[in-house]
Amino acid sequence: MTRTQLLQETRKMHFEEVLTIWTEKRLTQEEAARLLGVTDRTFRRYIDRYHENGIDGLIDKRISQTSNRKRR
């Protein structure tokens, strides 16, 4: 497993934990976002992506794309 994959998996697990606590109304949206290290708007986007695509919706798609700046 590469470092990037490990970080992706860690972020997904941490998001699920925070989402569970937020759903139980033990945290505000701002507090949940702060725990994840993102803004409250990004947290809302994560929630939308989670509901649309499940936990795999949180994978950062930019990582799998090849950079336009990469030399040939």
PDB file of N, CA and C in Angstrom:
ATOM      1  N   MET A   1       0.856  -1.176   0.000  1.00  0.00           N
ATOM      2  CA  MET A   1       0.000   0.000   0.000  1.00  0.00           C
ATOM      3  C   MET A   1       0.904   1.242   0.000  1.00  0.00           C
ATOM      4  N   THR A   2       0.628   2.157  -0.897  1.00  0.00           N
ATOM      5  CA  THR A   2       1.440   3.362  -0.972  1.00  0.00           C
ATOM      6  C   THR A   2       1.021   4.349   0.115  1.00  0.00           C
ATOM      7  N   ARG A   3       1.854   5.338   0.308  1.00  0.00           N
ATOM      8  CA  ARG A   3       1.568   6.369   1.318  1.00  0.00           C
ATOM      9  C   ARG A   3       0.263   7.085   1.002  1.00  0.00           C
ATOM     10  N   THR A   4       0.032   7.372  -0.272  1.00  0.00           N
ATOM     11  CA  THR A   4      -1.186   8.059  -0.690  1.00  0.00           C
ATOM     12  C   THR A   4      -2.421   7.232  -0.374  1.00  0.00           C
ATOM     13  N   GLN A   5      -2.368   5.944  -0.676  1.00  0.00           N
ATOM     14  CA  GLN A   5      -3.497   5.067  -0.385  1.00  0.00           C
ATOM     15  C   GLN A   5      -3.745   4.980   1.118  1.00  0.00           C
ATOM     16  N   LEU A   6      -2.681   4.922   1.883  1.00  0.00           N
ATOM     17  CA  LEU A   6      -2.809   4.869   3.336  1.00  0.00           C
ATOM     18  C   LEU A   6      -3.477   6.132   3.865  1.00  0.00           C
ATOM     19  N   LEU A   7      -3.066   7.283   3.356  1.00  0.00           N
ATOM     20  CA  LEU A   7      -3.671   8.546   3.792  1.00  0.00           C
ATOM     21  C   LEU A   7      -5.140   8.627   3.391  1.00  0.00           C
ATOM     22  N   GLN A   8      -5.474   8.125   2.209  1.00  0.00           N
ATOM     23  CA  GLN A   8      -6.867   8.115   1.766  1.00  0.00           C
ATOM     24  C   GLN A   8      -7.721   7.259   2.704  1.00  0.00           C
ATOM     25  N   GLU A   9      -7.226   6.074   3.022  1.00  0.00           N
ATOM     26  CA  GLU A   9      -7.960   5.167   3.908  1.00  0.00           C
ATOM     27  C   GLU A   9      -8.113   5.757   5.303  1.00  0.00           C
ATOM     28  N   THR A  10      -7.064   6.395   5.794  1.00  0.00           N
ATOM     29  CA  THR A  10      -7.115   7.028   7.113  1.00  0.00           C
ATOM     30  C   THR A  10      -8.149   8.136   7.127  1.00  0.00           C
ATOM     31  N   ARG A  11      -8.176   8.944   6.060  1.00  0.00           N
ATOM     32  CA  ARG A  11      -9.141  10.046   5.977  1.00  0.00           C
ATOM     33  C   ARG A  11     -10.566   9.519   5.943  1.00  0.00           C
ATOM     34  N   LYS A  12     -10.801   8.415   5.215  1.00  0.00           N
ATOM     35  CA  LYS A  12     -12.147   7.841   5.146  1.00  0.00           C
ATOM     36  C   LYS A  12     -12.591   7.323   6.514  1.00  0.00           C
ATOM     37  N   MET A  13     -11.696   6.634   7.214  1.00  0.00           N
ATOM     38  CA  MET A  13     -12.048   6.108   8.537  1.00  0.00           C
ATOM     39  C   MET A  13     -12.331   7.242   9.517  1.00  0.00           C
ATOM     40  N   HIS A  14     -11.497   8.250   9.496  1.00  0.00           N
ATOM     41  CA  HIS A  14     -11.669   9.379  10.404  1.00  0.00           C
ATOM     42  C   HIS A  14     -12.976  10.114  10.087  1.00  0.00           C
ATOM     43  N   PHE A  15     -13.304  10.268   8.807  1.00  0.00           N
ATOM     44  CA  PHE A  15     -14.553  10.921   8.427  1.00  0.00           C
ATOM     45  C   PHE A  15     -15.749  10.148   8.956  1.00  0.00           C
ATOM     46  N   GLU A  16     -15.731   8.827   8.822  1.00  0.00           N
ATOM     47  CA  GLU A  16     -16.854   8.027   9.316  1.00  0.00           C
ATOM     48  C   GLU A  16     -17.039   8.186  10.818  1.00  0.00           C
ATOM     49  N   GLU A  17     -15.947   8.231  11.564  1.00  0.00           N
ATOM     50  CA  GLU A  17     -16.034   8.419  13.008  1.00  0.00           C
ATOM     51  C   GLU A  17     -16.660   9.773  13.342  1.00  0.00           C
ATOM     52  N   VAL A  18     -16.161  10.820  12.690  1.00  0.00           N
ATOM     53  CA  VAL A  18     -16.670  12.166  12.957  1.00  0.00           C
ATOM     54  C   VAL A  18     -18.125  12.288  12.506  1.00  0.00           C
ATOM     55  N   LEU A  19     -18.460  11.692  11.371  1.00  0.00           N
ATOM     56  CA  LEU A  19     -19.835  11.744  10.879  1.00  0.00           C
ATOM     57  C   LEU A  19     -20.795  11.079  11.859  1.00  0.00           C
ATOM     58  N   THR A  20     -20.385   9.959  12.429  1.00  0.00           N
ATOM     59  CA  THR A  20     -21.218   9.265  13.413  1.00  0.00           C
ATOM     60  C   THR A  20     -21.468  10.155  14.629  1.00  0.00           C
ATOM     61  N   ILE A  21     -20.429  10.774  15.127  1.00  0.00           N
ATOM     62  CA  ILE A  21     -20.574  11.651  16.300  1.00  0.00           C
ATOM     63  C   ILE A  21     -21.440  12.852  15.957  1.00  0.00           C
ATOM     64  N   TRP A  22     -21.245  13.412  14.746  1.00  0.00           N
ATOM     65  CA  TRP A  22     -22.040  14.573  14.317  1.00  0.00           C
ATOM     66  C   TRP A  22     -23.510  14.184  14.148  1.00  0.00           C
ATOM     67  N   THR A  23     -23.757  12.983  13.602  1.00  0.00           N
ATOM     68  CA  THR A  23     -25.129  12.516  13.400  1.00  0.00           C
ATOM     69  C   THR A  23     -25.842  12.324  14.731  1.00  0.00           C
ATOM     70  N   GLU A  24     -25.099  11.939  15.748  1.00  0.00           N
ATOM     71  CA  GLU A  24     -25.678  11.755  17.082  1.00  0.00           C
ATOM     72  C   GLU A  24     -25.873  13.076  17.813  1.00  0.00           C
ATOM     73  N   LYS A  25     -25.569  14.193  17.136  1.00  0.00           N
ATOM     74  CA  LYS A  25     -25.747  15.557  17.663  1.00  0.00           C
ATOM     75  C   LYS A  25     -24.831  15.860  18.842  1.00  0.00           C
ATOM     76  N   ARG A  26     -23.691  15.149  18.898  1.00  0.00           N
ATOM     77  CA  ARG A  26     -22.739  15.437  19.969  1.00  0.00           C
ATOM     78  C   ARG A  26     -21.737  16.500  19.546  1.00  0.00           C
ATOM     79  N   LEU A  27     -21.717  16.825  18.242  1.00  0.00           N
ATOM     80  CA  LEU A  27     -20.838  17.863  17.710  1.00  0.00           C
ATOM     81  C   LEU A  27     -21.639  18.788  16.811  1.00  0.00           C
ATOM     82  N   THR A  28     -21.214  20.032  16.740  1.00  0.00           N
ATOM     83  CA  THR A  28     -21.794  20.930  15.742  1.00  0.00           C
ATOM     84  C   THR A  28     -21.069  20.688  14.422  1.00  0.00           C
ATOM     85  N   GLN A  29     -21.622  21.236  13.375  1.00  0.00           N
ATOM     86  CA  GLN A  29     -21.000  21.084  12.068  1.00  0.00           C
ATOM     87  C   GLN A  29     -19.616  21.724  12.040  1.00  0.00           C
ATOM     88  N   GLU A  30     -19.490  22.876  12.674  1.00  0.00           N
ATOM     89  CA  GLU A  30     -18.199  23.562  12.717  1.00  0.00           C
ATOM     90  C   GLU A  30     -17.164  22.755  13.489  1.00  0.00           C
ATOM     91  N   GLU A  31     -17.581  22.135  14.595  1.00  0.00           N
ATOM     92  CA  GLU A  31     -16.661  21.323  15.391  1.00  0.00           C
ATOM     93  C   GLU A  31     -16.218  20.074  14.625  1.00  0.00           C
ATOM     94  N   ALA A  32     -17.161  19.457  13.917  1.00  0.00           N
ATOM     95  CA  ALA A  32     -16.827  18.277  13.133  1.00  0.00           C
ATOM     96  C   ALA A  32     -15.833  18.631  12.025  1.00  0.00           C
ATOM     97  N   ALA A  33     -16.058  19.752  11.372  1.00  0.00           N
ATOM     98  CA  ALA A  33     -15.150  20.198  10.315  1.00  0.00           C
ATOM     99  C   ALA A  33     -13.770  20.486  10.889  1.00  0.00           C
ATOM    100  N   ARG A  34     -13.729  21.101  12.045  1.00  0.00           N
ATOM    101  CA  ARG A  34     -12.446  21.415  12.682  1.00  0.00           C
ATOM    102  C   ARG A  34     -11.676  20.141  13.032  1.00  0.00           C
ATOM    103  N   LEU A  35     -12.379  19.111  13.474  1.00  0.00           N
ATOM    104  CA  LEU A  35     -11.724  17.835  13.779  1.00  0.00           C
ATOM    105  C   LEU A  35     -11.109  17.206  12.531  1.00  0.00           C
ATOM    106  N   LEU A  36     -11.763  17.413  11.388  1.00  0.00           N
ATOM    107  CA  LEU A  36     -11.241  16.867  10.138  1.00  0.00           C
ATOM    108  C   LEU A  36     -10.192  17.771   9.506  1.00  0.00           C
ATOM    109  N   GLY A  37     -10.091  18.984  10.001  1.00  0.00           N
ATOM    110  CA  GLY A  37      -9.105  19.919   9.451  1.00  0.00           C
ATOM    111  C   GLY A  37      -9.560  20.568   8.164  1.00  0.00           C
ATOM    112  N   VAL A  38     -10.878  20.699   7.993  1.00  0.00           N
ATOM    113  CA  VAL A  38     -11.437  21.320   6.801  1.00  0.00           C
ATOM    114  C   VAL A  38     -12.423  22.404   7.221  1.00  0.00           C
ATOM    115  N   THR A  39     -12.896  23.175   6.249  1.00  0.00           N
ATOM    116  CA  THR A  39     -13.909  24.186   6.532  1.00  0.00           C
ATOM    117  C   THR A  39     -15.266  23.514   6.658  1.00  0.00           C
ATOM    118  N   ASP A  40     -16.229  24.236   7.210  1.00  0.00           N
ATOM    119  CA  ASP A  40     -17.563  23.654   7.339  1.00  0.00           C
ATOM    120  C   ASP A  40     -18.200  23.430   5.971  1.00  0.00           C
ATOM    121  N   ARG A  41     -17.865  24.255   4.982  1.00  0.00           N
ATOM    122  CA  ARG A  41     -18.381  24.055   3.620  1.00  0.00           C
ATOM    123  C   ARG A  41     -17.830  22.754   3.032  1.00  0.00           C
ATOM    124  N   THR A  42     -16.554  22.487   3.235  1.00  0.00           N
ATOM    125  CA  THR A  42     -15.964  21.249   2.743  1.00  0.00           C
ATOM    126  C   THR A  42     -16.575  20.052   3.448  1.00  0.00           C
ATOM    127  N   PHE A  43     -16.861  20.181   4.725  1.00  0.00           N
ATOM    128  CA  PHE A  43     -17.517  19.099   5.460  1.00  0.00           C
ATOM    129  C   PHE A  43     -18.888  18.803   4.864  1.00  0.00           C
ATOM    130  N   ARG A  44     -19.641  19.834   4.525  1.00  0.00           N
ATOM    131  CA  ARG A  44     -20.949  19.631   3.890  1.00  0.00           C
ATOM    132  C   ARG A  44     -20.785  18.931   2.541  1.00  0.00           C
ATOM    133  N   ARG A  45     -19.756  19.308   1.787  1.00  0.00           N
ATOM    134  CA  ARG A  45     -19.501  18.643   0.502  1.00  0.00           C
ATOM    135  C   ARG A  45     -19.151  17.176   0.711  1.00  0.00           C
ATOM    136  N   TYR A  46     -18.354  16.877   1.725  1.00  0.00           N
ATOM    137  CA  TYR A  46     -18.032  15.491   2.055  1.00  0.00           C
ATOM    138  C   TYR A  46     -19.303  14.708   2.373  1.00  0.00           C
ATOM    139  N   ILE A  47     -20.204  15.300   3.132  1.00  0.00           N
ATOM    140  CA  ILE A  47     -21.460  14.633   3.492  1.00  0.00           C
ATOM    141  C   ILE A  47     -22.270  14.332   2.235  1.00  0.00           C
ATOM    142  N   ASP A  48     -22.364  15.310   1.332  1.00  0.00           N
ATOM    143  CA  ASP A  48     -23.102  15.094   0.081  1.00  0.00           C
ATOM    144  C   ASP A  48     -22.488  13.967  -0.738  1.00  0.00           C
ATOM    145  N   ARG A  49     -21.151  13.989  -0.870  1.00  0.00           N
ATOM    146  CA  ARG A  49     -20.465  12.945  -1.633  1.00  0.00           C
ATOM    147  C   ARG A  49     -20.637  11.579  -0.959  1.00  0.00           C
ATOM    148  N   TYR A  50     -20.644  11.566   0.372  1.00  0.00           N
ATOM    149  CA  TYR A  50     -20.819  10.323   1.116  1.00  0.00           C
ATOM    150  C   TYR A  50     -22.208   9.743   0.869  1.00  0.00           C
ATOM    151  N   HIS A  51     -23.232  10.586   0.880  1.00  0.00           N
ATOM    152  CA  HIS A  51     -24.593  10.106   0.666  1.00  0.00           C
ATOM    153  C   HIS A  51     -24.822   9.670  -0.785  1.00  0.00           C
ATOM    154  N   GLU A  52     -24.147  10.304  -1.731  1.00  0.00           N
ATOM    155  CA  GLU A  52     -24.318   9.942  -3.140  1.00  0.00           C
ATOM    156  C   GLU A  52     -23.562   8.675  -3.517  1.00  0.00           C
ATOM    157  N   ASN A  53     -22.306   8.539  -3.040  1.00  0.00           N
ATOM    158  CA  ASN A  53     -21.438   7.466  -3.513  1.00  0.00           C
ATOM    159  C   ASN A  53     -20.900   6.566  -2.414  1.00  0.00           C
ATOM    160  N   GLY A  54     -21.332   6.750  -1.201  1.00  0.00           N
ATOM    161  CA  GLY A  54     -20.805   5.945  -0.109  1.00  0.00           C
ATOM    162  C   GLY A  54     -19.411   6.416   0.287  1.00  0.00           C
ATOM    163  N   ILE A  55     -18.715   5.585   1.019  1.00  0.00           N
ATOM    164  CA  ILE A  55     -17.411   5.972   1.542  1.00  0.00           C
ATOM    165  C   ILE A  55     -16.392   6.173   0.419  1.00  0.00           C
ATOM    166  N   ASP A  56     -16.550   5.489  -0.704  1.00  0.00           N
ATOM    167  CA  ASP A  56     -15.610   5.664  -1.816  1.00  0.00           C
ATOM    168  C   ASP A  56     -15.796   7.007  -2.515  1.00  0.00           C
ATOM    169  N   GLY A  57     -16.870   7.698  -2.240  1.00  0.00           N
ATOM    170  CA  GLY A  57     -17.070   9.028  -2.797  1.00  0.00           C
ATOM    171  C   GLY A  57     -16.118  10.052  -2.212  1.00  0.00           C
ATOM    172  N   LEU A  58     -15.445   9.699  -1.131  1.00  0.00           N
ATOM    173  CA  LEU A  58     -14.518  10.624  -0.493  1.00  0.00           C
ATOM    174  C   LEU A  58     -13.108  10.550  -1.063  1.00  0.00           C
ATOM    175  N   ILE A  59     -12.866   9.602  -1.961  1.00  0.00           N
ATOM    176  CA  ILE A  59     -11.531   9.466  -2.553  1.00  0.00           C
ATOM    177  C   ILE A  59     -11.235  10.691  -3.401  1.00  0.00           C
ATOM    178  N   ASP A  60     -10.057  11.236  -3.221  1.00  0.00           N
ATOM    179  CA  ASP A  60      -9.625  12.408  -3.980  1.00  0.00           C
ATOM    180  C   ASP A  60      -9.280  11.974  -5.398  1.00  0.00           C
ATOM    181  N   LYS A  61     -10.093  12.369  -6.358  1.00  0.00           N
ATOM    182  CA  LYS A  61      -9.914  11.931  -7.738  1.00  0.00           C
ATOM    183  C   LYS A  61      -8.717  12.594  -8.411  1.00  0.00           C
ATOM    184  N   ARG A  62      -8.243  13.694  -7.866  1.00  0.00           N
ATOM    185  CA  ARG A  62      -7.102  14.387  -8.465  1.00  0.00           C
ATOM    186  C   ARG A  62      -5.834  13.546  -8.375  1.00  0.00           C
ATOM    187  N   ILE A  63      -5.748  12.693  -7.377  1.00  0.00           N
ATOM    188  CA  ILE A  63      -4.543  11.911  -7.159  1.00  0.00           C
ATOM    189  C   ILE A  63      -4.344  10.887  -8.277  1.00  0.00           C
ATOM    190  N   SER A  64      -5.416  10.335  -8.805  1.00  0.00           N
ATOM    191  CA  SER A  64      -5.283   9.313  -9.836  1.00  0.00           C
ATOM    192  C   SER A  64      -5.054   9.898 -11.226  1.00  0.00           C
ATOM    193  N   GLN A  65      -5.175  11.213 -11.386  1.00  0.00           N
ATOM    194  CA  GLN A  65      -4.982  11.837 -12.685  1.00  0.00           C
ATOM    195  C   GLN A  65      -3.510  12.198 -12.886  1.00  0.00           C
ATOM    196  N   THR A  66      -3.089  12.119 -14.126  1.00  0.00           N
ATOM    197  CA  THR A  66      -1.727  12.500 -14.475  1.00  0.00           C
ATOM    198  C   THR A  66      -1.661  14.016 -14.599  1.00  0.00           C
ATOM    199  N   SER A  67      -0.612  14.582 -14.093  1.00  0.00           N
ATOM    200  CA  SER A  67      -0.430  16.019 -14.129  1.00  0.00           C
ATOM    201  C   SER A  67      -0.228  16.514 -15.568  1.00  0.00           C
ATOM    202  N   ASN A  68      -0.801  17.667 -15.874  1.00  0.00           N
ATOM    203  CA  ASN A  68      -0.605  18.274 -17.183  1.00  0.00           C
ATOM    204  C   ASN A  68       0.795  18.824 -17.307  1.00  0.00           C
ATOM    205  N   ARG A  69       1.455  19.053 -16.225  1.00  0.00           N
ATOM    206  CA  ARG A  69       2.792  19.618 -16.215  1.00  0.00           C
ATOM    207  C   ARG A  69       3.884  18.547 -16.332  1.00  0.00           C
ATOM    208  N   LYS A  70       3.485  17.303 -16.272  1.00  0.00           N
ATOM    209  CA  LYS A  70       4.463  16.212 -16.298  1.00  0.00           C
ATOM    210  C   LYS A  70       5.163  16.159 -17.658  1.00  0.00           C
ATOM    211  N   ARG A  71       6.472  15.988 -17.607  1.00  0.00           N
ATOM    212  CA  ARG A  71       7.264  15.902 -18.848  1.00  0.00           C
ATOM    213  C   ARG A  71       7.025  14.564 -19.514  1.00  0.00           C
ATOM    214  N   ARG A  72       7.229  14.570 -20.806  1.00  0.00           N
ATOM    215  CA  ARG A  72       7.079  13.322 -21.564  1.00  0.00           C
ATOM    216  C   ARG A  72       8.284  12.458 -21.447  1.00  0.00           C
TER     217      ARG A  72
END
